[in-house]
Amino acid sequence: MIQLVELAHGSGPFDGPDSNHSTFTEEAHLARIISVLGPPPVDVLHEAKYSSRYIDTEGKFKHTGLILESGGLDKTLHDVEGDDKQAFINVISRMLRWKGDERDTVQGLLSDPWFRGL
């Protein structure tokens, strides 16, 4: 899925401006994910081994200044063009979820009109 976004957009959905350099920290990467997906559900935070490094006791991200303006995939993929842009975003959004059990199945995705049109 990440590769589909990279092919269409030129970079991954969670890449930062300098994600290949040492200045792209774990905090910046997590902030980028939050910018795209929104804040993680509380139960996901409780399952994460190192969440206390990044999330306070109230469940809020400790480095809010790193979060880009929210806008989800529409904003992240603003430069993707074509008649099927919205269909592409819809497919990607069905795969990008905090919780694995909320992600669509392979069968569900392959039956999507966007994949059938390839």
PDB file of N, CA and C in Angstrom:
ATOM      1  N   MET A   1       0.816  -1.177   0.000  1.00  0.00           N
ATOM      2  CA  MET A   1       0.000   0.000   0.000  1.00  0.00           C
ATOM      3  C   MET A   1       0.867   1.250   0.000  1.00  0.00           C
ATOM      4  N   ILE A   2       1.871   1.277   0.837  1.00  0.00           N
ATOM      5  CA  ILE A   2       2.759   2.436   0.885  1.00  0.00           C
ATOM      6  C   ILE A   2       3.393   2.647  -0.487  1.00  0.00           C
ATOM      7  N   GLN A   3       3.724   1.547  -1.168  1.00  0.00           N
ATOM      8  CA  GLN A   3       4.332   1.654  -2.489  1.00  0.00           C
ATOM      9  C   GLN A   3       3.365   2.263  -3.497  1.00  0.00           C
ATOM     10  N   LEU A   4       2.074   1.977  -3.380  1.00  0.00           N
ATOM     11  CA  LEU A   4       1.089   2.605  -4.268  1.00  0.00           C
ATOM     12  C   LEU A   4       1.104   4.117  -4.103  1.00  0.00           C
ATOM     13  N   VAL A   5       1.149   4.561  -2.859  1.00  0.00           N
ATOM     14  CA  VAL A   5       1.196   6.001  -2.597  1.00  0.00           C
ATOM     15  C   VAL A   5       2.496   6.584  -3.135  1.00  0.00           C
ATOM     16  N   GLU A   6       3.603   5.879  -2.929  1.00  0.00           N
ATOM     17  CA  GLU A   6       4.891   6.372  -3.434  1.00  0.00           C
ATOM     18  C   GLU A   6       4.879   6.495  -4.952  1.00  0.00           C
ATOM     19  N   LEU A   7       4.269   5.533  -5.640  1.00  0.00           N
ATOM     20  CA  LEU A   7       4.190   5.602  -7.098  1.00  0.00           C
ATOM     21  C   LEU A   7       3.346   6.788  -7.562  1.00  0.00           C
ATOM     22  N   ALA A   8       2.231   7.021  -6.898  1.00  0.00           N
ATOM     23  CA  ALA A   8       1.322   8.087  -7.313  1.00  0.00           C
ATOM     24  C   ALA A   8       1.767   9.470  -6.854  1.00  0.00           C
ATOM     25  N   HIS A   9       2.408   9.530  -5.698  1.00  0.00           N
ATOM     26  CA  HIS A   9       2.691  10.811  -5.037  1.00  0.00           C
ATOM     27  C   HIS A   9       4.171  11.176  -5.055  1.00  0.00           C
ATOM     28  N   GLY A  10       5.034  10.191  -5.208  1.00  0.00           N
ATOM     29  CA  GLY A  10       6.469  10.453  -5.204  1.00  0.00           C
ATOM     30  C   GLY A  10       7.128  10.245  -3.857  1.00  0.00           C
ATOM     31  N   SER A  11       6.323  10.068  -2.815  1.00  0.00           N
ATOM     32  CA  SER A  11       6.840   9.772  -1.481  1.00  0.00           C
ATOM     33  C   SER A  11       5.756   9.046  -0.700  1.00  0.00           C
ATOM     34  N   GLY A  12       6.150   8.454   0.422  1.00  0.00           N
ATOM     35  CA  GLY A  12       5.193   7.728   1.243  1.00  0.00           C
ATOM     36  C   GLY A  12       4.258   8.671   1.981  1.00  0.00           C
ATOM     37  N   PRO A  13       3.116   8.171   2.430  1.00  0.00           N
ATOM     38  CA  PRO A  13       2.138   9.031   3.096  1.00  0.00           C
ATOM     39  C   PRO A  13       2.613   9.600   4.426  1.00  0.00           C
ATOM     40  N   PHE A  14       3.624   8.966   5.025  1.00  0.00           N
ATOM     41  CA  PHE A  14       4.106   9.415   6.324  1.00  0.00           C
ATOM     42  C   PHE A  14       5.512   9.986   6.266  1.00  0.00           C
ATOM     43  N   ASP A  15       6.032  10.176   5.070  1.00  0.00           N
ATOM     44  CA  ASP A  15       7.364  10.756   4.924  1.00  0.00           C
ATOM     45  C   ASP A  15       7.333  12.240   5.259  1.00  0.00           C
ATOM     46  N   GLY A  16       8.385  12.691   5.880  1.00  0.00           N
ATOM     47  CA  GLY A  16       8.544  14.112   6.144  1.00  0.00           C
ATOM     48  C   GLY A  16       9.452  14.725   5.102  1.00  0.00           C
ATOM     49  N   PRO A  17       9.680  16.016   5.201  1.00  0.00           N
ATOM     50  CA  PRO A  17      10.525  16.685   4.210  1.00  0.00           C
ATOM     51  C   PRO A  17      11.951  16.154   4.175  1.00  0.00           C
ATOM     52  N   ASP A  18      12.420  15.620   5.273  1.00  0.00           N
ATOM     53  CA  ASP A  18      13.784  15.082   5.313  1.00  0.00           C
ATOM     54  C   ASP A  18      13.797  13.699   5.960  1.00  0.00           C
ATOM     55  N   SER A  19      12.848  12.862   5.588  1.00  0.00           N
ATOM     56  CA  SER A  19      12.680  11.571   6.253  1.00  0.00           C
ATOM     57  C   SER A  19      13.835  10.608   6.020  1.00  0.00           C
ATOM     58  N   ASN A  20      14.700  10.888   5.082  1.00  0.00           N
ATOM     59  CA  ASN A  20      15.853  10.017   4.849  1.00  0.00           C
ATOM     60  C   ASN A  20      17.082  10.464   5.624  1.00  0.00           C
ATOM     61  N   HIS A  21      16.954  11.501   6.411  1.00  0.00           N
ATOM     62  CA  HIS A  21      18.088  12.031   7.159  1.00  0.00           C
ATOM     63  C   HIS A  21      17.882  11.823   8.652  1.00  0.00           C
ATOM     64  N   SER A  22      18.937  11.955   9.390  1.00  0.00           N
ATOM     65  CA  SER A  22      18.889  11.712  10.830  1.00  0.00           C
ATOM     66  C   SER A  22      18.036  12.734  11.574  1.00  0.00           C
ATOM     67  N   THR A  23      17.699  13.854  10.936  1.00  0.00           N
ATOM     68  CA  THR A  23      16.889  14.865  11.614  1.00  0.00           C
ATOM     69  C   THR A  23      15.408  14.487  11.651  1.00  0.00           C
ATOM     70  N   PHE A  24      15.008  13.472  10.911  1.00  0.00           N
ATOM     71  CA  PHE A  24      13.616  13.020  10.932  1.00  0.00           C
ATOM     72  C   PHE A  24      13.476  12.039  12.085  1.00  0.00           C
ATOM     73  N   THR A  25      13.054  12.540  13.222  1.00  0.00           N
ATOM     74  CA  THR A  25      13.018  11.776  14.463  1.00  0.00           C
ATOM     75  C   THR A  25      11.790  10.880  14.550  1.00  0.00           C
ATOM     76  N   GLU A  26      11.790  10.010  15.539  1.00  0.00           N
ATOM     77  CA  GLU A  26      10.613   9.182  15.806  1.00  0.00           C
ATOM     78  C   GLU A  26       9.407  10.062  16.111  1.00  0.00           C
ATOM     79  N   GLU A  27       9.637  11.129  16.855  1.00  0.00           N
ATOM     80  CA  GLU A  27       8.550  12.054  17.196  1.00  0.00           C
ATOM     81  C   GLU A  27       7.974  12.698  15.936  1.00  0.00           C
ATOM     82  N   ALA A  28       8.851  13.109  15.032  1.00  0.00           N
ATOM     83  CA  ALA A  28       8.397  13.733  13.784  1.00  0.00           C
ATOM     84  C   ALA A  28       7.642  12.731  12.919  1.00  0.00           C
ATOM     85  N   HIS A  29       8.109  11.498  12.894  1.00  0.00           N
ATOM     86  CA  HIS A  29       7.436  10.470  12.105  1.00  0.00           C
ATOM     87  C   HIS A  29       6.049  10.175  12.672  1.00  0.00           C
ATOM     88  N   LEU A  30       5.952  10.028  13.981  1.00  0.00           N
ATOM     89  CA  LEU A  30       4.660   9.793  14.613  1.00  0.00           C
ATOM     90  C   LEU A  30       3.734  10.988  14.405  1.00  0.00           C
ATOM     91  N   ALA A  31       4.266  12.192  14.474  1.00  0.00           N
ATOM     92  CA  ALA A  31       3.463  13.394  14.220  1.00  0.00           C
ATOM     93  C   ALA A  31       2.917  13.380  12.799  1.00  0.00           C
ATOM     94  N   ARG A  32       3.711  12.923  11.855  1.00  0.00           N
ATOM     95  CA  ARG A  32       3.266  12.846  10.461  1.00  0.00           C
ATOM     96  C   ARG A  32       2.138  11.833  10.320  1.00  0.00           C
ATOM     97  N   ILE A  33       2.253  10.695  11.000  1.00  0.00           N
ATOM     98  CA  ILE A  33       1.186   9.690  10.964  1.00  0.00           C
ATOM     99  C   ILE A  33      -0.094  10.270  11.555  1.00  0.00           C
ATOM    100  N   ILE A  34       0.016  10.981  12.673  1.00  0.00           N
ATOM    101  CA  ILE A  34      -1.149  11.608  13.300  1.00  0.00           C
ATOM    102  C   ILE A  34      -1.748  12.657  12.370  1.00  0.00           C
ATOM    103  N   SER A  35      -0.914  13.383  11.641  1.00  0.00           N
ATOM    104  CA  SER A  35      -1.404  14.386  10.697  1.00  0.00           C
ATOM    105  C   SER A  35      -2.272  13.757   9.616  1.00  0.00           C
ATOM    106  N   VAL A  36      -1.942  12.539   9.222  1.00  0.00           N
ATOM    107  CA  VAL A  36      -2.678  11.863   8.150  1.00  0.00           C
ATOM    108  C   VAL A  36      -3.870  11.080   8.689  1.00  0.00           C
ATOM    109  N   LEU A  37      -3.658  10.311   9.762  1.00  0.00           N
ATOM    110  CA  LEU A  37      -4.700   9.413  10.267  1.00  0.00           C
ATOM    111  C   LEU A  37      -5.537   9.995  11.396  1.00  0.00           C
ATOM    112  N   GLY A  38      -5.075  11.075  11.997  1.00  0.00           N
ATOM    113  CA  GLY A  38      -5.717  11.580  13.197  1.00  0.00           C
ATOM    114  C   GLY A  38      -5.094  10.904  14.408  1.00  0.00           C
ATOM    115  N   PRO A  39      -5.504  11.288  15.605  1.00  0.00           N
ATOM    116  CA  PRO A  39      -4.892  10.716  16.808  1.00  0.00           C
ATOM    117  C   PRO A  39      -5.207   9.225  16.946  1.00  0.00           C
ATOM    118  N   PRO A  40      -4.287   8.477  17.529  1.00  0.00           N
ATOM    119  CA  PRO A  40      -4.528   7.042  17.709  1.00  0.00           C
ATOM    120  C   PRO A  40      -5.601   6.792  18.762  1.00  0.00           C
ATOM    121  N   PRO A  41      -6.380   5.724  18.588  1.00  0.00           N
ATOM    122  CA  PRO A  41      -7.368   5.358  19.609  1.00  0.00           C
ATOM    123  C   PRO A  41      -6.671   5.004  20.923  1.00  0.00           C
ATOM    124  N   VAL A  42      -7.341   5.256  22.016  1.00  0.00           N
ATOM    125  CA  VAL A  42      -6.777   5.031  23.349  1.00  0.00           C
ATOM    126  C   VAL A  42      -6.342   3.581  23.534  1.00  0.00           C
ATOM    127  N   ASP A  43      -7.138   2.626  23.056  1.00  0.00           N
ATOM    128  CA  ASP A  43      -6.760   1.222  23.251  1.00  0.00           C
ATOM    129  C   ASP A  43      -5.493   0.860  22.479  1.00  0.00           C
ATOM    130  N   VAL A  44      -5.235   1.521  21.375  1.00  0.00           N
ATOM    131  CA  VAL A  44      -3.985   1.304  20.642  1.00  0.00           C
ATOM    132  C   VAL A  44      -2.818   1.827  21.474  1.00  0.00           C
ATOM    133  N   LEU A  45      -3.013   2.957  22.112  1.00  0.00           N
ATOM    134  CA  LEU A  45      -1.961   3.531  22.954  1.00  0.00           C
ATOM    135  C   LEU A  45      -1.613   2.614  24.119  1.00  0.00           C
ATOM    136  N   HIS A  46      -2.628   2.010  24.710  1.00  0.00           N
ATOM    137  CA  HIS A  46      -2.388   1.119  25.853  1.00  0.00           C
ATOM    138  C   HIS A  46      -1.626  -0.140  25.450  1.00  0.00           C
ATOM    139  N   GLU A  47      -1.760  -0.552  24.193  1.00  0.00           N
ATOM    140  CA  GLU A  47      -1.062  -1.742  23.709  1.00  0.00           C
ATOM    141  C   GLU A  47       0.387  -1.449  23.330  1.00  0.00           C
ATOM    142  N   ALA A  48       0.708  -0.193  23.075  1.00  0.00           N
ATOM    143  CA  ALA A  48       2.044   0.173  22.596  1.00  0.00           C
ATOM    144  C   ALA A  48       3.044   0.185  23.747  1.00  0.00           C
ATOM    145  N   LYS A  49       4.132  -0.511  23.562  1.00  0.00           N
ATOM    146  CA  LYS A  49       5.140  -0.677  24.610  1.00  0.00           C
ATOM    147  C   LYS A  49       5.766   0.652  25.032  1.00  0.00           C
ATOM    148  N   TYR A  50       6.037   1.532  24.080  1.00  0.00           N
ATOM    149  CA  TYR A  50       6.745   2.773  24.375  1.00  0.00           C
ATOM    150  C   TYR A  50       5.866   4.016  24.252  1.00  0.00           C
ATOM    151  N   SER A  51       4.572   3.857  24.371  1.00  0.00           N
ATOM    152  CA  SER A  51       3.680   5.005  24.175  1.00  0.00           C
ATOM    153  C   SER A  51       3.950   6.142  25.155  1.00  0.00           C
ATOM    154  N   SER A  52       4.421   5.829  26.350  1.00  0.00           N
ATOM    155  CA  SER A  52       4.665   6.890  27.339  1.00  0.00           C
ATOM    156  C   SER A  52       5.764   7.854  26.889  1.00  0.00           C
ATOM    157  N   ARG A  53       6.582   7.444  25.939  1.00  0.00           N
ATOM    158  CA  ARG A  53       7.601   8.354  25.402  1.00  0.00           C
ATOM    159  C   ARG A  53       6.965   9.483  24.580  1.00  0.00           C
ATOM    160  N   TYR A  54       5.813   9.193  24.003  1.00  0.00           N
ATOM    161  CA  TYR A  54       5.217  10.114  23.036  1.00  0.00           C
ATOM    162  C   TYR A  54       3.838  10.632  23.438  1.00  0.00           C
ATOM    163  N   ILE A  55       3.176   9.924  24.340  1.00  0.00           N
ATOM    164  CA  ILE A  55       1.803  10.246  24.711  1.00  0.00           C
ATOM    165  C   ILE A  55       1.750  10.532  26.205  1.00  0.00           C
ATOM    166  N   ASP A  56       1.053  11.615  26.587  1.00  0.00           N
ATOM    167  CA  ASP A  56       0.962  11.941  28.012  1.00  0.00           C
ATOM    168  C   ASP A  56      -0.107  11.088  28.695  1.00  0.00           C
ATOM    169  N   THR A  57      -0.295  11.298  29.985  1.00  0.00           N
ATOM    170  CA  THR A  57      -1.238  10.484  30.760  1.00  0.00           C
ATOM    171  C   THR A  57      -2.686  10.710  30.356  1.00  0.00           C
ATOM    172  N   GLU A  58      -2.951  11.800  29.646  1.00  0.00           N
ATOM    173  CA  GLU A  58      -4.311  12.077  29.169  1.00  0.00           C
ATOM    174  C   GLU A  58      -4.539  11.554  27.752  1.00  0.00           C
ATOM    175  N   GLY A  59      -3.540  10.873  27.188  1.00  0.00           N
ATOM    176  CA  GLY A  59      -3.673  10.318  25.849  1.00  0.00           C
ATOM    177  C   GLY A  59      -3.374  11.292  24.727  1.00  0.00           C
ATOM    178  N   LYS A  60      -2.727  12.399  25.055  1.00  0.00           N
ATOM    179  CA  LYS A  60      -2.400  13.418  24.051  1.00  0.00           C
ATOM    180  C   LYS A  60      -0.929  13.293  23.643  1.00  0.00           C
ATOM    181  N   PHE A  61      -0.676  13.552  22.370  1.00  0.00           N
ATOM    182  CA  PHE A  61       0.675  13.510  21.834  1.00  0.00           C
ATOM    183  C   PHE A  61       1.497  14.619  22.480  1.00  0.00           C
ATOM    184  N   LYS A  62       2.669  14.276  22.981  1.00  0.00           N
ATOM    185  CA  LYS A  62       3.508  15.236  23.712  1.00  0.00           C
ATOM    186  C   LYS A  62       4.155  16.281  22.809  1.00  0.00           C
ATOM    187  N   HIS A  63       4.230  16.028  21.529  1.00  0.00           N
ATOM    188  CA  HIS A  63       4.955  16.910  20.612  1.00  0.00           C
ATOM    189  C   HIS A  63       3.996  17.513  19.588  1.00  0.00           C
ATOM    190  N   THR A  64       2.940  18.158  20.074  1.00  0.00           N
ATOM    191  CA  THR A  64       1.897  18.670  19.182  1.00  0.00           C
ATOM    192  C   THR A  64       2.417  19.687  18.172  1.00  0.00           C
ATOM    193  N   GLY A  65       3.492  20.374  18.488  1.00  0.00           N
ATOM    194  CA  GLY A  65       4.055  21.347  17.555  1.00  0.00           C
ATOM    195  C   GLY A  65       4.581  20.718  16.276  1.00  0.00           C
ATOM    196  N   LEU A  66       4.800  19.412  16.292  1.00  0.00           N
ATOM    197  CA  LEU A  66       5.294  18.706  15.109  1.00  0.00           C
ATOM    198  C   LEU A  66       4.175  18.247  14.177  1.00  0.00           C
ATOM    199  N   ILE A  67       2.939  18.266  14.674  1.00  0.00           N
ATOM    200  CA  ILE A  67       1.816  17.793  13.866  1.00  0.00           C
ATOM    201  C   ILE A  67       1.487  18.843  12.815  1.00  0.00           C
ATOM    202  N   LEU A  68       1.447  18.389  11.569  1.00  0.00           N
ATOM    203  CA  LEU A  68       1.096  19.276  10.469  1.00  0.00           C
ATOM    204  C   LEU A  68      -0.399  19.537  10.487  1.00  0.00           C
ATOM    205  N   GLU A  69      -0.817  20.552   9.765  1.00  0.00           N
ATOM    206  CA  GLU A  69      -2.243  20.847   9.661  1.00  0.00           C
ATOM    207  C   GLU A  69      -2.969  19.593   9.198  1.00  0.00           C
ATOM    208  N   SER A  70      -4.020  19.251   9.900  1.00  0.00           N
ATOM    209  CA  SER A  70      -4.776  18.049   9.570  1.00  0.00           C
ATOM    210  C   SER A  70      -5.470  18.209   8.228  1.00  0.00           C
ATOM    211  N   GLY A  71      -5.695  17.144   7.590  1.00  0.00           N
ATOM    212  CA  GLY A  71      -6.378  17.161   6.312  1.00  0.00           C
ATOM    213  C   GLY A  71      -6.493  15.773   5.736  1.00  0.00           C
ATOM    214  N   GLY A  72      -5.945  14.823   6.467  1.00  0.00           N
ATOM    215  CA  GLY A  72      -6.027  13.444   6.032  1.00  0.00           C
ATOM    216  C   GLY A  72      -5.334  13.194   4.716  1.00  0.00           C
ATOM    217  N   LEU A  73      -5.752  12.133   4.074  1.00  0.00           N
ATOM    218  CA  LEU A  73      -5.124  11.745   2.810  1.00  0.00           C
ATOM    219  C   LEU A  73      -5.387  12.750   1.701  1.00  0.00           C
ATOM    220  N   ASP A  74      -6.558  13.387   1.707  1.00  0.00           N
ATOM    221  CA  ASP A  74      -6.854  14.384   0.671  1.00  0.00           C
ATOM    222  C   ASP A  74      -5.778  15.456   0.626  1.00  0.00           C
ATOM    223  N   LYS A  75      -5.396  15.941   1.791  1.00  0.00           N
ATOM    224  CA  LYS A  75      -4.367  16.981   1.843  1.00  0.00           C
ATOM    225  C   LYS A  75      -2.982  16.403   1.552  1.00  0.00           C
ATOM    226  N   THR A  76      -2.698  15.229   2.089  1.00  0.00           N
ATOM    227  CA  THR A  76      -1.397  14.599   1.877  1.00  0.00           C
ATOM    228  C   THR A  76      -1.155  14.312   0.398  1.00  0.00           C
ATOM    229  N   LEU A  77      -2.185  13.871  -0.286  1.00  0.00           N
ATOM    230  CA  LEU A  77      -2.064  13.502  -1.701  1.00  0.00           C
ATOM    231  C   LEU A  77      -2.594  14.604  -2.614  1.00  0.00           C
ATOM    232  N   HIS A  78      -2.420  15.846  -2.211  1.00  0.00           N
ATOM    233  CA  HIS A  78      -2.954  16.985  -2.961  1.00  0.00           C
ATOM    234  C   HIS A  78      -2.440  17.062  -4.386  1.00  0.00           C
ATOM    235  N   ASP A  79      -1.254  16.549  -4.638  1.00  0.00           N
ATOM    236  CA  ASP A  79      -0.676  16.672  -5.975  1.00  0.00           C
ATOM    237  C   ASP A  79      -0.953  15.470  -6.880  1.00  0.00           C
ATOM    238  N   VAL A  80      -1.685  14.481  -6.379  1.00  0.00           N
ATOM    239  CA  VAL A  80      -2.089  13.358  -7.224  1.00  0.00           C
ATOM    240  C   VAL A  80      -3.219  13.852  -8.109  1.00  0.00           C
ATOM    241  N   GLU A  81      -3.106  13.587  -9.387  1.00  0.00           N
ATOM    242  CA  GLU A  81      -4.107  14.086 -10.331  1.00  0.00           C
ATOM    243  C   GLU A  81      -4.762  12.926 -11.062  1.00  0.00           C
ATOM    244  N   GLY A  82      -5.821  13.233 -11.754  1.00  0.00           N
ATOM    245  CA  GLY A  82      -6.494  12.239 -12.580  1.00  0.00           C
ATOM    246  C   GLY A  82      -7.942  12.071 -12.184  1.00  0.00           C
ATOM    247  N   ASP A  83      -8.681  11.476 -13.101  1.00  0.00           N
ATOM    248  CA  ASP A  83     -10.112  11.275 -12.889  1.00  0.00           C
ATOM    249  C   ASP A  83     -10.408  10.340 -11.726  1.00  0.00           C
ATOM    250  N   ASP A  84      -9.488   9.419 -11.461  1.00  0.00           N
ATOM    251  CA  ASP A  84      -9.734   8.439 -10.408  1.00  0.00           C
ATOM    252  C   ASP A  84      -9.043   8.782  -9.090  1.00  0.00           C
ATOM    253  N   LYS A  85      -8.698  10.058  -8.896  1.00  0.00           N
ATOM    254  CA  LYS A  85      -7.999  10.472  -7.669  1.00  0.00           C
ATOM    255  C   LYS A  85      -8.803  10.103  -6.424  1.00  0.00           C
ATOM    256  N   GLN A  86     -10.087  10.435  -6.403  1.00  0.00           N
ATOM    257  CA  GLN A  86     -10.886  10.165  -5.212  1.00  0.00           C
ATOM    258  C   GLN A  86     -11.032   8.666  -4.977  1.00  0.00           C
ATOM    259  N   ALA A  87     -11.160   7.897  -6.052  1.00  0.00           N
ATOM    260  CA  ALA A  87     -11.244   6.439  -5.909  1.00  0.00           C
ATOM    261  C   ALA A  87      -9.942   5.887  -5.329  1.00  0.00           C
ATOM    262  N   PHE A  88      -8.807   6.434  -5.769  1.00  0.00           N
ATOM    263  CA  PHE A  88      -7.502   6.023  -5.243  1.00  0.00           C
ATOM    264  C   PHE A  88      -7.410   6.348  -3.753  1.00  0.00           C
ATOM    265  N   ILE A  89      -7.797   7.552  -3.375  1.00  0.00           N
ATOM    266  CA  ILE A  89      -7.763   7.958  -1.964  1.00  0.00           C
ATOM    267  C   ILE A  89      -8.676   7.064  -1.129  1.00  0.00           C
ATOM    268  N   ASN A  90      -9.841   6.725  -1.665  1.00  0.00           N
ATOM    269  CA  ASN A  90     -10.768   5.852  -0.939  1.00  0.00           C
ATOM    270  C   ASN A  90     -10.150   4.482  -0.670  1.00  0.00           C
ATOM    271  N   VAL A  91      -9.466   3.913  -1.678  1.00  0.00           N
ATOM    272  CA  VAL A  91      -8.827   2.606  -1.503  1.00  0.00           C
ATOM    273  C   VAL A  91      -7.720   2.695  -0.456  1.00  0.00           C
ATOM    274  N   ILE A  92      -6.876   3.702  -0.573  1.00  0.00           N
ATOM    275  CA  ILE A  92      -5.765   3.851   0.368  1.00  0.00           C
ATOM    276  C   ILE A  92      -6.296   4.043   1.788  1.00  0.00           C
ATOM    277  N   SER A  93      -7.346   4.830   1.942  1.00  0.00           N
ATOM    278  CA  SER A  93      -7.878   5.090   3.286  1.00  0.00           C
ATOM    279  C   SER A  93      -8.469   3.832   3.914  1.00  0.00           C
ATOM    280  N   ARG A  94      -8.902   2.885   3.100  1.00  0.00           N
ATOM    281  CA  ARG A  94      -9.413   1.618   3.638  1.00  0.00           C
ATOM    282  C   ARG A  94      -8.288   0.741   4.177  1.00  0.00           C
ATOM    283  N   MET A  95      -7.050   1.043   3.778  1.00  0.00           N
ATOM    284  CA  MET A  95      -5.899   0.268   4.243  1.00  0.00           C
ATOM    285  C   MET A  95      -5.152   0.955   5.378  1.00  0.00           C
ATOM    286  N   LEU A  96      -5.195   2.266   5.421  1.00  0.00           N
ATOM    287  CA  LEU A  96      -4.453   3.021   6.438  1.00  0.00           C
ATOM    288  C   LEU A  96      -5.332   3.244   7.659  1.00  0.00           C
ATOM    289  N   ARG A  97      -5.216   2.391   8.614  1.00  0.00           N
ATOM    290  CA  ARG A  97      -5.984   2.475   9.856  1.00  0.00           C
ATOM    291  C   ARG A  97      -5.059   2.174  11.015  1.00  0.00           C
ATOM    292  N   TRP A  98      -5.300   2.817  12.139  1.00  0.00           N
ATOM    293  CA  TRP A  98      -4.512   2.531  13.338  1.00  0.00           C
ATOM    294  C   TRP A  98      -4.671   1.074  13.756  1.00  0.00           C
ATOM    295  N   LYS A  99      -5.901   0.588  13.696  1.00  0.00           N
ATOM    296  CA  LYS A  99      -6.193  -0.773  14.159  1.00  0.00           C
ATOM    297  C   LYS A  99      -6.214  -1.731  12.970  1.00  0.00           C
ATOM    298  N   GLY A 100      -5.416  -2.774  13.086  1.00  0.00           N
ATOM    299  CA  GLY A 100      -5.347  -3.750  12.008  1.00  0.00           C
ATOM    300  C   GLY A 100      -6.682  -4.383  11.671  1.00  0.00           C
ATOM    301  N   ASP A 101      -7.521  -4.621  12.680  1.00  0.00           N
ATOM    302  CA  ASP A 101      -8.805  -5.269  12.410  1.00  0.00           C
ATOM    303  C   ASP A 101      -9.803  -4.343  11.724  1.00  0.00           C
ATOM    304  N   GLU A 102      -9.478  -3.068  11.589  1.00  0.00           N
ATOM    305  CA  GLU A 102     -10.345  -2.130  10.871  1.00  0.00           C
ATOM    306  C   GLU A 102      -9.915  -1.944   9.418  1.00  0.00           C
ATOM    307  N   ARG A 103      -8.765  -2.514   9.063  1.00  0.00           N
ATOM    308  CA  ARG A 103      -8.297  -2.432   7.675  1.00  0.00           C
ATOM    309  C   ARG A 103      -9.096  -3.407   6.827  1.00  0.00           C
ATOM    310  N   ASP A 104      -9.319  -3.026   5.588  1.00  0.00           N
ATOM    311  CA  ASP A 104     -10.069  -3.884   4.680  1.00  0.00           C
ATOM    312  C   ASP A 104      -9.260  -5.134   4.344  1.00  0.00           C
ATOM    313  N   THR A 105      -9.952  -6.174   3.945  1.00  0.00           N
ATOM    314  CA  THR A 105      -9.300  -7.418   3.551  1.00  0.00           C
ATOM    315  C   THR A 105      -8.783  -7.311   2.121  1.00  0.00           C
ATOM    316  N   VAL A 106      -7.911  -8.217   1.759  1.00  0.00           N
ATOM    317  CA  VAL A 106      -7.412  -8.262   0.385  1.00  0.00           C
ATOM    318  C   VAL A 106      -8.582  -8.452  -0.574  1.00  0.00           C
ATOM    319  N   GLN A 107      -9.499  -9.365  -0.247  1.00  0.00           N
ATOM    320  CA  GLN A 107     -10.664  -9.606  -1.098  1.00  0.00           C
ATOM    321  C   GLN A 107     -11.489  -8.334  -1.266  1.00  0.00           C
ATOM    322  N   GLY A 108     -11.716  -7.637  -0.168  1.00  0.00           N
ATOM    323  CA  GLY A 108     -12.485  -6.397  -0.236  1.00  0.00           C
ATOM    324  C   GLY A 108     -11.816  -5.348  -1.099  1.00  0.00           C
ATOM    325  N   LEU A 109     -10.514  -5.234  -0.961  1.00  0.00           N
ATOM    326  CA  LEU A 109      -9.773  -4.244  -1.750  1.00  0.00           C
ATOM    327  C   LEU A 109      -9.739  -4.604  -3.224  1.00  0.00           C
ATOM    328  N   LEU A 110      -9.503  -5.870  -3.531  1.00  0.00           N
ATOM    329  CA  LEU A 110      -9.430  -6.279  -4.934  1.00  0.00           C
ATOM    330  C   LEU A 110     -10.765  -6.160  -5.653  1.00  0.00           C
ATOM    331  N   SER A 111     -11.854  -6.146  -4.896  1.00  0.00           N
ATOM    332  CA  SER A 111     -13.169  -5.976  -5.522  1.00  0.00           C
ATOM    333  C   SER A 111     -13.527  -4.502  -5.709  1.00  0.00           C
ATOM    334  N   ASP A 112     -12.675  -3.608  -5.216  1.00  0.00           N
ATOM    335  CA  ASP A 112     -12.923  -2.173  -5.363  1.00  0.00           C
ATOM    336  C   ASP A 112     -12.802  -1.764  -6.835  1.00  0.00           C
ATOM    337  N   PRO A 113     -13.664  -0.858  -7.294  1.00  0.00           N
ATOM    338  CA  PRO A 113     -13.607  -0.406  -8.692  1.00  0.00           C
ATOM    339  C   PRO A 113     -12.241   0.145  -9.105  1.00  0.00           C
ATOM    340  N   TRP A 114     -11.512   0.764  -8.174  1.00  0.00           N
ATOM    341  CA  TRP A 114     -10.208   1.315  -8.543  1.00  0.00           C
ATOM    342  C   TRP A 114      -9.251   0.199  -8.969  1.00  0.00           C
ATOM    343  N   PHE A 115      -9.219  -0.911  -8.217  1.00  0.00           N
ATOM    344  CA  PHE A 115      -8.352  -2.027  -8.581  1.00  0.00           C
ATOM    345  C   PHE A 115      -8.849  -2.730  -9.838  1.00  0.00           C
ATOM    346  N   ARG A 116     -10.143  -2.858  -9.974  1.00  0.00           N
ATOM    347  CA  ARG A 116     -10.689  -3.525 -11.165  1.00  0.00           C
ATOM    348  C   ARG A 116     -10.380  -2.731 -12.424  1.00  0.00           C
ATOM    349  N   GLY A 117     -10.195  -1.414 -12.272  1.00  0.00           N
ATOM    350  CA  GLY A 117      -9.911  -0.568 -13.429  1.00  0.00           C
ATOM    351  C   GLY A 117      -8.464  -0.594 -13.873  1.00  0.00           C
ATOM    352  N   LEU A 118      -7.600  -1.270 -13.134  1.00  0.00           N
ATOM    353  CA  LEU A 118      -6.174  -1.316 -13.502  1.00  0.00           C
ATOM    354  C   LEU A 118      -5.911  -2.268 -14.646  1.00  0.00           C
TER     355      LEU A 118
END
